[in-house]
Amino acid sequence: MIEKHEIKVSTTGSAGVASGSTILAVPLSELIALYLDYDGSAPGTTDVTISSPGNPAAVTILTESNNATDGWRYPRVQDHDNTGSAITGSYSDPPLHGNVLVEVAQGDAITDIVTVTIYMRV
């Protein structure tokens, strides 16, 4: 089954250094795709980090620096063999451990500076 969720982040602070974050509780799942929709007045200095803070360890899903361009993102994590070595050219959907955290930095003070639509397999 595929679920779709929207995560909206508003920022507070001074122009160019405003920040904010939003966390969304989700079932244990795998990420399929993201769509980032920036407010039209978001500055080009905006940084967005999307992670799953979960247990046993956090997974960084996407980090975008100095960007305010809408679009689809398809983050993947590298696969490993049974010895822990990375498998060249082999990637999988990243796991989501019960929460998705969207953090914004270096923006302006804007309500809903970015809306992240997340598609996941549950």
PDB file of N, CA and C in Angstrom:
ATOM      1  N   MET A   1       0.839  -1.163   0.000  1.00  0.00           N
ATOM      2  CA  MET A   1       0.000   0.000   0.000  1.00  0.00           C
ATOM      3  C   MET A   1       0.896   1.242   0.000  1.00  0.00           C
ATOM      4  N   ILE A   2       0.506   2.252  -0.750  1.00  0.00           N
ATOM      5  CA  ILE A   2       1.253   3.505  -0.802  1.00  0.00           C
ATOM      6  C   ILE A   2       0.433   4.588  -0.108  1.00  0.00           C
ATOM      7  N   GLU A   3       1.087   5.328   0.799  1.00  0.00           N
ATOM      8  CA  GLU A   3       0.442   6.445   1.491  1.00  0.00           C
ATOM      9  C   GLU A   3       1.086   7.749   1.064  1.00  0.00           C
ATOM     10  N   LYS A   4       0.301   8.813   1.117  1.00  0.00           N
ATOM     11  CA  LYS A   4       0.768  10.164   0.788  1.00  0.00           C
ATOM     12  C   LYS A   4       0.504  11.058   1.988  1.00  0.00           C
ATOM     13  N   HIS A   5       1.522  11.838   2.387  1.00  0.00           N
ATOM     14  CA  HIS A   5       1.388  12.783   3.499  1.00  0.00           C
ATOM     15  C   HIS A   5       2.020  14.104   3.112  1.00  0.00           C
ATOM     16  N   GLU A   6       1.481  15.202   3.654  1.00  0.00           N
ATOM     17  CA  GLU A   6       2.071  16.528   3.461  1.00  0.00           C
ATOM     18  C   GLU A   6       2.668  17.012   4.768  1.00  0.00           C
ATOM     19  N   ILE A   7       3.863  17.572   4.664  1.00  0.00           N
ATOM     20  CA  ILE A   7       4.548  18.150   5.820  1.00  0.00           C
ATOM     21  C   ILE A   7       4.838  19.602   5.472  1.00  0.00           C
ATOM     22  N   LYS A   8       4.269  20.528   6.236  1.00  0.00           N
ATOM     23  CA  LYS A   8       4.475  21.965   6.004  1.00  0.00           C
ATOM     24  C   LYS A   8       5.385  22.516   7.085  1.00  0.00           C
ATOM     25  N   VAL A   9       6.362  23.323   6.656  1.00  0.00           N
ATOM     26  CA  VAL A   9       7.296  23.916   7.610  1.00  0.00           C
ATOM     27  C   VAL A   9       7.232  25.434   7.471  1.00  0.00           C
ATOM     28  N   SER A  10       7.033  26.100   8.597  1.00  0.00           N
ATOM     29  CA  SER A  10       7.085  27.566   8.661  1.00  0.00           C
ATOM     30  C   SER A  10       8.367  27.961   9.376  1.00  0.00           C
ATOM     31  N   THR A  11       8.909  29.114   9.009  1.00  0.00           N
ATOM     32  CA  THR A  11      10.167  29.571   9.599  1.00  0.00           C
ATOM     33  C   THR A  11       9.975  30.890  10.335  1.00  0.00           C
ATOM     34  N   THR A  12      10.812  31.089  11.345  1.00  0.00           N
ATOM     35  CA  THR A  12      10.828  32.345  12.094  1.00  0.00           C
ATOM     36  C   THR A  12      12.266  32.822  12.202  1.00  0.00           C
ATOM     37  N   GLY A  13      12.430  34.130  12.319  1.00  0.00           N
ATOM     38  CA  GLY A  13      13.763  34.698  12.455  1.00  0.00           C
ATOM     39  C   GLY A  13      13.998  35.760  11.403  1.00  0.00           C
ATOM     40  N   SER A  14      15.220  36.194  11.317  1.00  0.00           N
ATOM     41  CA  SER A  14      15.602  37.259  10.392  1.00  0.00           C
ATOM     42  C   SER A  14      15.796  36.726   8.982  1.00  0.00           C
ATOM     43  N   ALA A  15      15.674  37.627   8.008  1.00  0.00           N
ATOM     44  CA  ALA A  15      15.846  37.260   6.605  1.00  0.00           C
ATOM     45  C   ALA A  15      17.202  36.605   6.377  1.00  0.00           C
ATOM     46  N   GLY A  16      17.184  35.472   5.702  1.00  0.00           N
ATOM     47  CA  GLY A  16      18.406  34.760   5.373  1.00  0.00           C
ATOM     48  C   GLY A  16      18.902  33.816   6.451  1.00  0.00           C
ATOM     49  N   VAL A  17      18.344  33.922   7.665  1.00  0.00           N
ATOM     50  CA  VAL A  17      18.766  33.031   8.757  1.00  0.00           C
ATOM     51  C   VAL A  17      17.578  32.442   9.516  1.00  0.00           C
ATOM     52  N   ALA A  18      16.375  32.610   8.980  1.00  0.00           N
ATOM     53  CA  ALA A  18      15.187  32.053   9.645  1.00  0.00           C
ATOM     54  C   ALA A  18      15.214  30.534   9.543  1.00  0.00           C
ATOM     55  N   SER A  19      14.632  29.880  10.562  1.00  0.00           N
ATOM     56  CA  SER A  19      14.625  28.420  10.580  1.00  0.00           C
ATOM     57  C   SER A  19      13.323  27.903  11.157  1.00  0.00           C
ATOM     58  N   GLY A  20      13.084  26.616  10.952  1.00  0.00           N
ATOM     59  CA  GLY A  20      11.906  25.964  11.501  1.00  0.00           C
ATOM     60  C   GLY A  20      11.961  24.485  11.203  1.00  0.00           C
ATOM     61  N   SER A  21      11.090  23.733  11.859  1.00  0.00           N
ATOM     62  CA  SER A  21      11.039  22.295  11.612  1.00  0.00           C
ATOM     63  C   SER A  21       9.646  21.765  11.929  1.00  0.00           C
ATOM     64  N   THR A  22       9.339  20.627  11.325  1.00  0.00           N
ATOM     65  CA  THR A  22       8.083  19.927  11.578  1.00  0.00           C
ATOM     66  C   THR A  22       8.375  18.444  11.572  1.00  0.00           C
ATOM     67  N   ILE A  23       7.755  17.728  12.491  1.00  0.00           N
ATOM     68  CA  ILE A  23       7.905  16.278  12.542  1.00  0.00           C
ATOM     69  C   ILE A  23       6.542  15.644  12.306  1.00  0.00           C
ATOM     70  N   LEU A  24       6.539  14.572  11.537  1.00  0.00           N
ATOM     71  CA  LEU A  24       5.309  13.855  11.219  1.00  0.00           C
ATOM     72  C   LEU A  24       5.482  12.406  11.634  1.00  0.00           C
ATOM     73  N   ALA A  25       4.551  11.901  12.430  1.00  0.00           N
ATOM     74  CA  ALA A  25       4.572  10.486  12.801  1.00  0.00           C
ATOM     75  C   ALA A  25       4.028   9.676  11.631  1.00  0.00           C
ATOM     76  N   VAL A  26       4.789   8.670  11.232  1.00  0.00           N
ATOM     77  CA  VAL A  26       4.376   7.797  10.130  1.00  0.00           C
ATOM     78  C   VAL A  26       4.593   6.349  10.559  1.00  0.00           C
ATOM     79  N   PRO A  27       3.890   5.412   9.923  1.00  0.00           N
ATOM     80  CA  PRO A  27       4.138   4.009  10.236  1.00  0.00           C
ATOM     81  C   PRO A  27       5.506   3.587   9.698  1.00  0.00           C
ATOM     82  N   LEU A  28       6.065   2.524  10.246  1.00  0.00           N
ATOM     83  CA  LEU A  28       7.307   1.972   9.724  1.00  0.00           C
ATOM     84  C   LEU A  28       7.097   1.686   8.244  1.00  0.00           C
ATOM     85  N   SER A  29       7.951   2.246   7.398  1.00  0.00           N
ATOM     86  CA  SER A  29       7.696   2.170   5.965  1.00  0.00           C
ATOM     87  C   SER A  29       8.976   2.436   5.180  1.00  0.00           C
ATOM     88  N   GLU A  30       8.842   2.436   3.842  1.00  0.00           N
ATOM     89  CA  GLU A  30       9.944   2.773   2.949  1.00  0.00           C
ATOM     90  C   GLU A  30       9.542   3.983   2.123  1.00  0.00           C
ATOM     91  N   LEU A  31      10.472   4.912   1.969  1.00  0.00           N
ATOM     92  CA  LEU A  31      10.226   6.110   1.180  1.00  0.00           C
ATOM     93  C   LEU A  31      10.273   5.775  -0.304  1.00  0.00           C
ATOM     94  N   ILE A  32       9.314   6.287  -1.054  1.00  0.00           N
ATOM     95  CA  ILE A  32       9.309   6.103  -2.507  1.00  0.00           C
ATOM     96  C   ILE A  32       9.739   7.396  -3.196  1.00  0.00           C
ATOM     97  N   ALA A  33       9.095   8.517  -2.843  1.00  0.00           N
ATOM     98  CA  ALA A  33       9.387   9.783  -3.515  1.00  0.00           C
ATOM     99  C   ALA A  33       8.964  10.951  -2.636  1.00  0.00           C
ATOM    100  N   LEU A  34       9.525  12.108  -2.951  1.00  0.00           N
ATOM    101  CA  LEU A  34       9.188  13.366  -2.279  1.00  0.00           C
ATOM    102  C   LEU A  34       8.901  14.415  -3.339  1.00  0.00           C
ATOM    103  N   TYR A  35       7.979  15.331  -3.030  1.00  0.00           N
ATOM    104  CA  TYR A  35       7.815  16.517  -3.869  1.00  0.00           C
ATOM    105  C   TYR A  35       7.985  17.721  -2.957  1.00  0.00           C
ATOM    106  N   LEU A  36       8.937  18.589  -3.284  1.00  0.00           N
ATOM    107  CA  LEU A  36       9.176  19.806  -2.512  1.00  0.00           C
ATOM    108  C   LEU A  36       8.537  20.973  -3.238  1.00  0.00           C
ATOM    109  N   ASP A  37       7.662  21.685  -2.530  1.00  0.00           N
ATOM    110  CA  ASP A  37       6.949  22.840  -3.079  1.00  0.00           C
ATOM    111  C   ASP A  37       7.285  24.046  -2.206  1.00  0.00           C
ATOM    112  N   TYR A  38       8.171  24.902  -2.702  1.00  0.00           N
ATOM    113  CA  TYR A  38       8.612  26.080  -1.958  1.00  0.00           C
ATOM    114  C   TYR A  38       7.650  27.232  -2.158  1.00  0.00           C
ATOM    115  N   ASP A  39       7.472  28.043  -1.127  1.00  0.00           N
ATOM    116  CA  ASP A  39       6.733  29.293  -1.247  1.00  0.00           C
ATOM    117  C   ASP A  39       7.450  30.154  -2.291  1.00  0.00           C
ATOM    118  N   GLY A  40       6.691  30.898  -3.061  1.00  0.00           N
ATOM    119  CA  GLY A  40       7.266  31.720  -4.128  1.00  0.00           C
ATOM    120  C   GLY A  40       8.257  32.765  -3.655  1.00  0.00           C
ATOM    121  N   SER A  41       8.216  33.131  -2.369  1.00  0.00           N
ATOM    122  CA  SER A  41       9.155  34.141  -1.861  1.00  0.00           C
ATOM    123  C   SER A  41      10.306  33.526  -1.059  1.00  0.00           C
ATOM    124  N   ALA A  42      10.439  32.198  -1.088  1.00  0.00           N
ATOM    125  CA  ALA A  42      11.561  31.553  -0.389  1.00  0.00           C
ATOM    126  C   ALA A  42      12.869  31.956  -1.069  1.00  0.00           C
ATOM    127  N   PRO A  43      13.858  32.380  -0.283  1.00  0.00           N
ATOM    128  CA  PRO A  43      15.115  32.802  -0.901  1.00  0.00           C
ATOM    129  C   PRO A  43      15.942  31.614  -1.395  1.00  0.00           C
ATOM    130  N   GLY A  44      16.831  31.877  -2.334  1.00  0.00           N
ATOM    131  CA  GLY A  44      17.709  30.847  -2.875  1.00  0.00           C
ATOM    132  C   GLY A  44      18.714  30.313  -1.881  1.00  0.00           C
ATOM    133  N   THR A  45      18.781  30.907  -0.690  1.00  0.00           N
ATOM    134  CA  THR A  45      19.696  30.432   0.361  1.00  0.00           C
ATOM    135  C   THR A  45      19.082  29.340   1.224  1.00  0.00           C
ATOM    136  N   THR A  46      17.819  28.983   0.946  1.00  0.00           N
ATOM    137  CA  THR A  46      17.090  28.044   1.806  1.00  0.00           C
ATOM    138  C   THR A  46      17.720  26.653   1.792  1.00  0.00           C
ATOM    139  N   ASP A  47      17.923  26.097   2.994  1.00  0.00           N
ATOM    140  CA  ASP A  47      18.424  24.737   3.169  1.00  0.00           C
ATOM    141  C   ASP A  47      17.301  23.870   3.729  1.00  0.00           C
ATOM    142  N   VAL A  48      17.139  22.665   3.193  1.00  0.00           N
ATOM    143  CA  VAL A  48      16.140  21.717   3.687  1.00  0.00           C
ATOM    144  C   VAL A  48      16.831  20.391   3.964  1.00  0.00           C
ATOM    145  N   THR A  49      16.599  19.849   5.167  1.00  0.00           N
ATOM    146  CA  THR A  49      17.097  18.525   5.524  1.00  0.00           C
ATOM    147  C   THR A  49      15.908  17.685   5.952  1.00  0.00           C
ATOM    148  N   ILE A  50      15.793  16.505   5.350  1.00  0.00           N
ATOM    149  CA  ILE A  50      14.709  15.580   5.680  1.00  0.00           C
ATOM    150  C   ILE A  50      15.352  14.317   6.235  1.00  0.00           C
ATOM    151  N   SER A  51      14.878  13.903   7.420  1.00  0.00           N
ATOM    152  CA  SER A  51      15.458  12.724   8.061  1.00  0.00           C
ATOM    153  C   SER A  51      14.375  11.920   8.756  1.00  0.00           C
ATOM    154  N   SER A  52      14.761  10.710   9.129  1.00  0.00           N
ATOM    155  CA  SER A  52      13.916   9.864   9.955  1.00  0.00           C
ATOM    156  C   SER A  52      14.700   9.612  11.232  1.00  0.00           C
ATOM    157  N   PRO A  53      14.333  10.304  12.341  1.00  0.00           N
ATOM    158  CA  PRO A  53      15.135  10.245  13.554  1.00  0.00           C
ATOM    159  C   PRO A  53      15.136   8.893  14.258  1.00  0.00           C
ATOM    160  N   GLY A  54      14.313   7.974  13.849  1.00  0.00           N
ATOM    161  CA  GLY A  54      14.036   6.656  14.389  1.00  0.00           C
ATOM    162  C   GLY A  54      15.048   5.888  15.217  1.00  0.00           C
ATOM    163  N   ASN A  55      14.707   4.666  15.449  1.00  0.00           N
ATOM    164  CA  ASN A  55      15.422   3.766  16.325  1.00  0.00           C
ATOM    165  C   ASN A  55      15.829   2.553  15.494  1.00  0.00           C
ATOM    166  N   PRO A  56      17.053   2.126  15.446  1.00  0.00           N
ATOM    167  CA  PRO A  56      18.136   2.413  16.376  1.00  0.00           C
ATOM    168  C   PRO A  56      18.977   3.626  16.007  1.00  0.00           C
ATOM    169  N   ALA A  57      18.885   4.113  14.776  1.00  0.00           N
ATOM    170  CA  ALA A  57      19.708   5.262  14.396  1.00  0.00           C
ATOM    171  C   ALA A  57      18.971   6.104  13.357  1.00  0.00           C
ATOM    172  N   ALA A  58      19.310   7.377  13.332  1.00  0.00           N
ATOM    173  CA  ALA A  58      18.692   8.295  12.379  1.00  0.00           C
ATOM    174  C   ALA A  58      19.155   7.986  10.955  1.00  0.00           C
ATOM    175  N   VAL A  59      18.279   8.263   9.995  1.00  0.00           N
ATOM    176  CA  VAL A  59      18.602   8.121   8.584  1.00  0.00           C
ATOM    177  C   VAL A  59      18.379   9.484   7.935  1.00  0.00           C
ATOM    178  N   THR A  60      19.413  10.059   7.341  1.00  0.00           N
ATOM    179  CA  THR A  60      19.238  11.294   6.569  1.00  0.00           C
ATOM    180  C   THR A  60      18.731  10.890   5.197  1.00  0.00           C
ATOM    181  N   ILE A  61      17.590  11.450   4.834  1.00  0.00           N
ATOM    182  CA  ILE A  61      16.929  11.087   3.589  1.00  0.00           C
ATOM    183  C   ILE A  61      17.335  12.019   2.454  1.00  0.00           C
ATOM    184  N   LEU A  62      17.393  13.319   2.746  1.00  0.00           N
ATOM    185  CA  LEU A  62      17.701  14.304   1.710  1.00  0.00           C
ATOM    186  C   LEU A  62      18.251  15.556   2.361  1.00  0.00           C
ATOM    187  N   THR A  63      19.284  16.117   1.781  1.00  0.00           N
ATOM    188  CA  THR A  63      19.815  17.407   2.205  1.00  0.00           C
ATOM    189  C   THR A  63      19.965  18.272   0.960  1.00  0.00           C
ATOM    190  N   GLU A  64      19.284  19.416   0.946  1.00  0.00           N
ATOM    191  CA  GLU A  64      19.407  20.361  -0.149  1.00  0.00           C
ATOM    192  C   GLU A  64      19.877  21.682   0.415  1.00  0.00           C
ATOM    193  N   SER A  65      20.930  22.219  -0.170  1.00  0.00           N
ATOM    194  CA  SER A  65      21.478  23.491   0.290  1.00  0.00           C
ATOM    195  C   SER A  65      21.292  24.552  -0.781  1.00  0.00           C
ATOM    196  N   ASN A  66      20.952  25.761  -0.309  1.00  0.00           N
ATOM    197  CA  ASN A  66      20.835  26.916  -1.202  1.00  0.00           C
ATOM    198  C   ASN A  66      19.934  26.620  -2.398  1.00  0.00           C
ATOM    199  N   ASN A  67      18.697  26.222  -2.088  1.00  0.00           N
ATOM    200  CA  ASN A  67      17.768  25.849  -3.141  1.00  0.00           C
ATOM    201  C   ASN A  67      16.356  26.264  -2.756  1.00  0.00           C
ATOM    202  N   ALA A  68      15.583  26.697  -3.729  1.00  0.00           N
ATOM    203  CA  ALA A  68      14.163  26.987  -3.514  1.00  0.00           C
ATOM    204  C   ALA A  68      13.390  26.624  -4.776  1.00  0.00           C
ATOM    205  N   THR A  69      13.824  25.560  -5.430  1.00  0.00           N
ATOM    206  CA  THR A  69      13.213  25.118  -6.680  1.00  0.00           C
ATOM    207  C   THR A  69      12.305  23.923  -6.421  1.00  0.00           C
ATOM    208  N   ASP A  70      11.031  24.077  -6.790  1.00  0.00           N
ATOM    209  CA  ASP A  70      10.065  22.991  -6.647  1.00  0.00           C
ATOM    210  C   ASP A  70      10.502  21.787  -7.475  1.00  0.00           C
ATOM    211  N   GLY A  71      10.098  20.601  -7.034  1.00  0.00           N
ATOM    212  CA  GLY A  71      10.344  19.440  -7.872  1.00  0.00           C
ATOM    213  C   GLY A  71      10.314  18.129  -7.124  1.00  0.00           C
ATOM    214  N   TRP A  72      10.351  17.059  -7.908  1.00  0.00           N
ATOM    215  CA  TRP A  72      10.372  15.694  -7.395  1.00  0.00           C
ATOM    216  C   TRP A  72      11.777  15.326  -6.975  1.00  0.00           C
ATOM    217  N   ARG A  73      11.868  14.534  -5.908  1.00  0.00           N
ATOM    218  CA  ARG A  73      13.139  13.992  -5.440  1.00  0.00           C
ATOM    219  C   ARG A  73      12.908  12.502  -5.170  1.00  0.00           C
ATOM    220  N   TYR A  74      13.895  11.681  -5.535  1.00  0.00           N
ATOM    221  CA  TYR A  74      13.806  10.231  -5.347  1.00  0.00           C
ATOM    222  C   TYR A  74      15.040   9.741  -4.587  1.00  0.00           C
ATOM    223  N   PRO A  75      15.148  10.055  -3.296  1.00  0.00           N
ATOM    224  CA  PRO A  75      16.330   9.664  -2.531  1.00  0.00           C
ATOM    225  C   PRO A  75      16.426   8.143  -2.363  1.00  0.00           C
ATOM    226  N   ARG A  76      17.653   7.654  -2.379  1.00  0.00           N
ATOM    227  CA  ARG A  76      17.917   6.232  -2.169  1.00  0.00           C
ATOM    228  C   ARG A  76      19.105   6.075  -1.235  1.00  0.00           C
ATOM    229  N   VAL A  77      19.235   4.891  -0.617  1.00  0.00           N
ATOM    230  CA  VAL A  77      20.382   4.562   0.228  1.00  0.00           C
ATOM    231  C   VAL A  77      21.128   3.405  -0.419  1.00  0.00           C
ATOM    232  N   GLN A  78      22.454   3.410  -0.239  1.00  0.00           N
ATOM    233  CA  GLN A  78      23.265   2.371  -0.857  1.00  0.00           C
ATOM    234  C   GLN A  78      23.113   1.041  -0.121  1.00  0.00           C
ATOM    235  N   ASP A  79      23.012  -0.035  -0.901  1.00  0.00           N
ATOM    236  CA  ASP A  79      22.923  -1.382  -0.336  1.00  0.00           C
ATOM    237  C   ASP A  79      24.308  -1.874   0.074  1.00  0.00           C
ATOM    238  N   HIS A  80      24.317  -2.838   0.998  1.00  0.00           N
ATOM    239  CA  HIS A  80      25.559  -3.453   1.484  1.00  0.00           C
ATOM    240  C   HIS A  80      25.429  -4.968   1.445  1.00  0.00           C
ATOM    241  N   ASP A  81      26.575  -5.645   1.278  1.00  0.00           N
ATOM    242  CA  ASP A  81      26.541  -7.108   1.301  1.00  0.00           C
ATOM    243  C   ASP A  81      26.633  -7.600   2.745  1.00  0.00           C
ATOM    244  N   ASN A  82      26.709  -8.922   2.932  1.00  0.00           N
ATOM    245  CA  ASN A  82      26.689  -9.474   4.284  1.00  0.00           C
ATOM    246  C   ASN A  82      27.985  -9.254   5.053  1.00  0.00           C
ATOM    247  N   THR A  83      28.996  -8.625   4.416  1.00  0.00           N
ATOM    248  CA  THR A  83      30.212  -8.253   5.142  1.00  0.00           C
ATOM    249  C   THR A  83      30.215  -6.775   5.499  1.00  0.00           C
ATOM    250  N   GLY A  84      29.166  -6.060   5.087  1.00  0.00           N
ATOM    251  CA  GLY A  84      29.076  -4.628   5.374  1.00  0.00           C
ATOM    252  C   GLY A  84      29.675  -3.754   4.292  1.00  0.00           C
ATOM    253  N   SER A  85      30.138  -4.345   3.205  1.00  0.00           N
ATOM    254  CA  SER A  85      30.733  -3.575   2.108  1.00  0.00           C
ATOM    255  C   SER A  85      29.638  -3.038   1.190  1.00  0.00           C
ATOM    256  N   ALA A  86      29.819  -1.796   0.750  1.00  0.00           N
ATOM    257  CA  ALA A  86      28.851  -1.191  -0.166  1.00  0.00           C
ATOM    258  C   ALA A  86      28.834  -1.961  -1.482  1.00  0.00           C
ATOM    259  N   ILE A  87      27.635  -2.144  -2.031  1.00  0.00           N
ATOM    260  CA  ILE A  87      27.473  -2.811  -3.326  1.00  0.00           C
ATOM    261  C   ILE A  87      27.384  -1.716  -4.380  1.00  0.00           C
ATOM    262  N   THR A  88      28.376  -1.662  -5.237  1.00  0.00           N
ATOM    263  CA  THR A  88      28.452  -0.623  -6.269  1.00  0.00           C
ATOM    264  C   THR A  88      27.199  -0.627  -7.141  1.00  0.00           C
ATOM    265  N   GLY A  89      26.573   0.546  -7.264  1.00  0.00           N
ATOM    266  CA  GLY A  89      25.421   0.711  -8.140  1.00  0.00           C
ATOM    267  C   GLY A  89      24.123   0.102  -7.646  1.00  0.00           C
ATOM    268  N   SER A  90      24.084  -0.344  -6.398  1.00  0.00           N
ATOM    269  CA  SER A  90      22.869  -0.972  -5.862  1.00  0.00           C
ATOM    270  C   SER A  90      22.276  -0.103  -4.755  1.00  0.00           C
ATOM    271  N   TYR A  91      21.033   0.345  -4.960  1.00  0.00           N
ATOM    272  CA  TYR A  91      20.380   1.251  -4.024  1.00  0.00           C
ATOM    273  C   TYR A  91      18.964   0.787  -3.727  1.00  0.00           C
ATOM    274  N   SER A  92      18.459   1.150  -2.546  1.00  0.00           N
ATOM    275  CA  SER A  92      17.103   0.792  -2.117  1.00  0.00           C
ATOM    276  C   SER A  92      16.371   2.005  -1.571  1.00  0.00           C
ATOM    277  N   ASP A  93      15.049   1.850  -1.414  1.00  0.00           N
ATOM    278  CA  ASP A  93      14.249   2.891  -0.772  1.00  0.00           C
ATOM    279  C   ASP A  93      14.692   3.020   0.681  1.00  0.00           C
ATOM    280  N   PRO A  94      14.885   4.265   1.171  1.00  0.00           N
ATOM    281  CA  PRO A  94      15.301   4.417   2.565  1.00  0.00           C
ATOM    282  C   PRO A  94      14.178   4.053   3.543  1.00  0.00           C
ATOM    283  N   PRO A  95      14.550   3.462   4.680  1.00  0.00           N
ATOM    284  CA  PRO A  95      13.541   3.136   5.688  1.00  0.00           C
ATOM    285  C   PRO A  95      13.118   4.381   6.458  1.00  0.00           C
ATOM    286  N   LEU A  96      11.861   4.417   6.842  1.00  0.00           N
ATOM    287  CA  LEU A  96      11.352   5.460   7.721  1.00  0.00           C
ATOM    288  C   LEU A  96      11.025   4.782   9.038  1.00  0.00           C
ATOM    289  N   HIS A  97      11.561   5.317  10.134  1.00  0.00           N
ATOM    290  CA  HIS A  97      11.453   4.651  11.436  1.00  0.00           C
ATOM    291  C   HIS A  97      10.375   5.240  12.326  1.00  0.00           C
ATOM    292  N   GLY A  98       9.238   5.539  11.783  1.00  0.00           N
ATOM    293  CA  GLY A  98       8.151   6.022  12.616  1.00  0.00           C
ATOM    294  C   GLY A  98       7.957   7.525  12.630  1.00  0.00           C
ATOM    295  N   ASN A  99       8.970   8.288  12.208  1.00  0.00           N
ATOM    296  CA  ASN A  99       8.842   9.746  12.124  1.00  0.00           C
ATOM    297  C   ASN A  99       9.616  10.262  10.920  1.00  0.00           C
ATOM    298  N   VAL A 100       9.132  11.371  10.377  1.00  0.00           N
ATOM    299  CA  VAL A 100       9.870  12.094   9.352  1.00  0.00           C
ATOM    300  C   VAL A 100      10.028  13.523   9.875  1.00  0.00           C
ATOM    301  N   LEU A 101      11.258  14.010   9.887  1.00  0.00           N
ATOM    302  CA  LEU A 101      11.579  15.350  10.362  1.00  0.00           C
ATOM    303  C   LEU A 101      12.034  16.192   9.176  1.00  0.00           C
ATOM    304  N   VAL A 102      11.383  17.339   8.966  1.00  0.00           N
ATOM    305  CA  VAL A 102      11.794  18.283   7.935  1.00  0.00           C
ATOM    306  C   VAL A 102      12.297  19.529   8.640  1.00  0.00           C
ATOM    307  N   GLU A 103      13.562  19.880   8.394  1.00  0.00           N
ATOM    308  CA  GLU A 103      14.191  21.055   8.994  1.00  0.00           C
ATOM    309  C   GLU A 103      14.567  22.038   7.896  1.00  0.00           C
ATOM    310  N   VAL A 104      14.310  23.312   8.158  1.00  0.00           N
ATOM    311  CA  VAL A 104      14.644  24.372   7.213  1.00  0.00           C
ATOM    312  C   VAL A 104      15.558  25.364   7.910  1.00  0.00           C
ATOM    313  N   ALA A 105      16.588  25.811   7.208  1.00  0.00           N
ATOM    314  CA  ALA A 105      17.515  26.823   7.730  1.00  0.00           C
ATOM    315  C   ALA A 105      17.825  27.806   6.608  1.00  0.00           C
ATOM    316  N   GLN A 106      18.367  28.944   6.990  1.00  0.00           N
ATOM    317  CA  GLN A 106      18.810  29.999   6.074  1.00  0.00           C
ATOM    318  C   GLN A 106      17.696  30.534   5.170  1.00  0.00           C
ATOM    319  N   GLY A 107      16.459  30.470   5.667  1.00  0.00           N
ATOM    320  CA  GLY A 107      15.341  31.009   4.907  1.00  0.00           C
ATOM    321  C   GLY A 107      14.969  32.390   5.422  1.00  0.00           C
ATOM    322  N   ASP A 108      13.827  32.872   4.973  1.00  0.00           N
ATOM    323  CA  ASP A 108      13.219  34.079   5.512  1.00  0.00           C
ATOM    324  C   ASP A 108      12.051  33.625   6.389  1.00  0.00           C
ATOM    325  N   ALA A 109      11.518  34.530   7.201  1.00  0.00           N
ATOM    326  CA  ALA A 109      10.369  34.194   8.048  1.00  0.00           C
ATOM    327  C   ALA A 109       9.123  34.092   7.160  1.00  0.00           C
ATOM    328  N   ILE A 110       8.718  32.856   6.871  1.00  0.00           N
ATOM    329  CA  ILE A 110       7.612  32.608   5.940  1.00  0.00           C
ATOM    330  C   ILE A 110       6.744  31.472   6.492  1.00  0.00           C
ATOM    331  N   THR A 111       5.418  31.690   6.476  1.00  0.00           N
ATOM    332  CA  THR A 111       4.491  30.622   6.817  1.00  0.00           C
ATOM    333  C   THR A 111       4.484  29.626   5.666  1.00  0.00           C
ATOM    334  N   ASP A 112       4.692  28.366   5.971  1.00  0.00           N
ATOM    335  CA  ASP A 112       4.742  27.296   4.968  1.00  0.00           C
ATOM    336  C   ASP A 112       5.779  27.591   3.884  1.00  0.00           C
ATOM    337  N   ILE A 113       7.018  27.844   4.313  1.00  0.00           N
ATOM    338  CA  ILE A 113       8.097  28.124   3.362  1.00  0.00           C
ATOM    339  C   ILE A 113       8.307  26.956   2.405  1.00  0.00           C
ATOM    340  N   VAL A 114       8.055  25.741   2.909  1.00  0.00           N
ATOM    341  CA  VAL A 114       8.129  24.563   2.042  1.00  0.00           C
ATOM    342  C   VAL A 114       7.063  23.560   2.482  1.00  0.00           C
ATOM    343  N   THR A 115       6.446  22.939   1.501  1.00  0.00           N
ATOM    344  CA  THR A 115       5.533  21.825   1.738  1.00  0.00           C
ATOM    345  C   THR A 115       6.157  20.603   1.091  1.00  0.00           C
ATOM    346  N   VAL A 116       6.402  19.583   1.913  1.00  0.00           N
ATOM    347  CA  VAL A 116       6.985  18.334   1.406  1.00  0.00           C
ATOM    348  C   VAL A 116       5.867  17.302   1.344  1.00  0.00           C
ATOM    349  N   THR A 117       5.620  16.805   0.149  1.00  0.00           N
ATOM    350  CA  THR A 117       4.660  15.715  -0.012  1.00  0.00           C
ATOM    351  C   THR A 117       5.477  14.438  -0.110  1.00  0.00           C
ATOM    352  N   ILE A 118       5.181  13.505   0.784  1.00  0.00           N
ATOM    353  CA  ILE A 118       5.960  12.282   0.886  1.00  0.00           C
ATOM    354  C   ILE A 118       5.086  11.088   0.481  1.00  0.00           C
ATOM    355  N   TYR A 119       5.652  10.244  -0.353  1.00  0.00           N
ATOM    356  CA  TYR A 119       4.985   9.017  -0.793  1.00  0.00           C
ATOM    357  C   TYR A 119       5.783   7.851  -0.212  1.00  0.00           C
ATOM    358  N   MET A 120       5.096   6.955   0.505  1.00  0.00           N
ATOM    359  CA  MET A 120       5.797   5.850   1.149  1.00  0.00           C
ATOM    360  C   MET A 120       5.022   4.544   1.002  1.00  0.00           C
ATOM    361  N   ARG A 121       5.790   3.473   1.009  1.00  0.00           N
ATOM    362  CA  ARG A 121       5.235   2.115   0.955  1.00  0.00           C
ATOM    363  C   ARG A 121       5.118   1.606   2.382  1.00  0.00           C
ATOM    364  N   VAL A 122       3.911   1.231   2.808  1.00  0.00           N
ATOM    365  CA  VAL A 122       3.699   0.716   4.164  1.00  0.00           C
ATOM    366  C   VAL A 122       3.272  -0.742   4.126  1.00  0.00           C
TER     367      VAL A 122
END
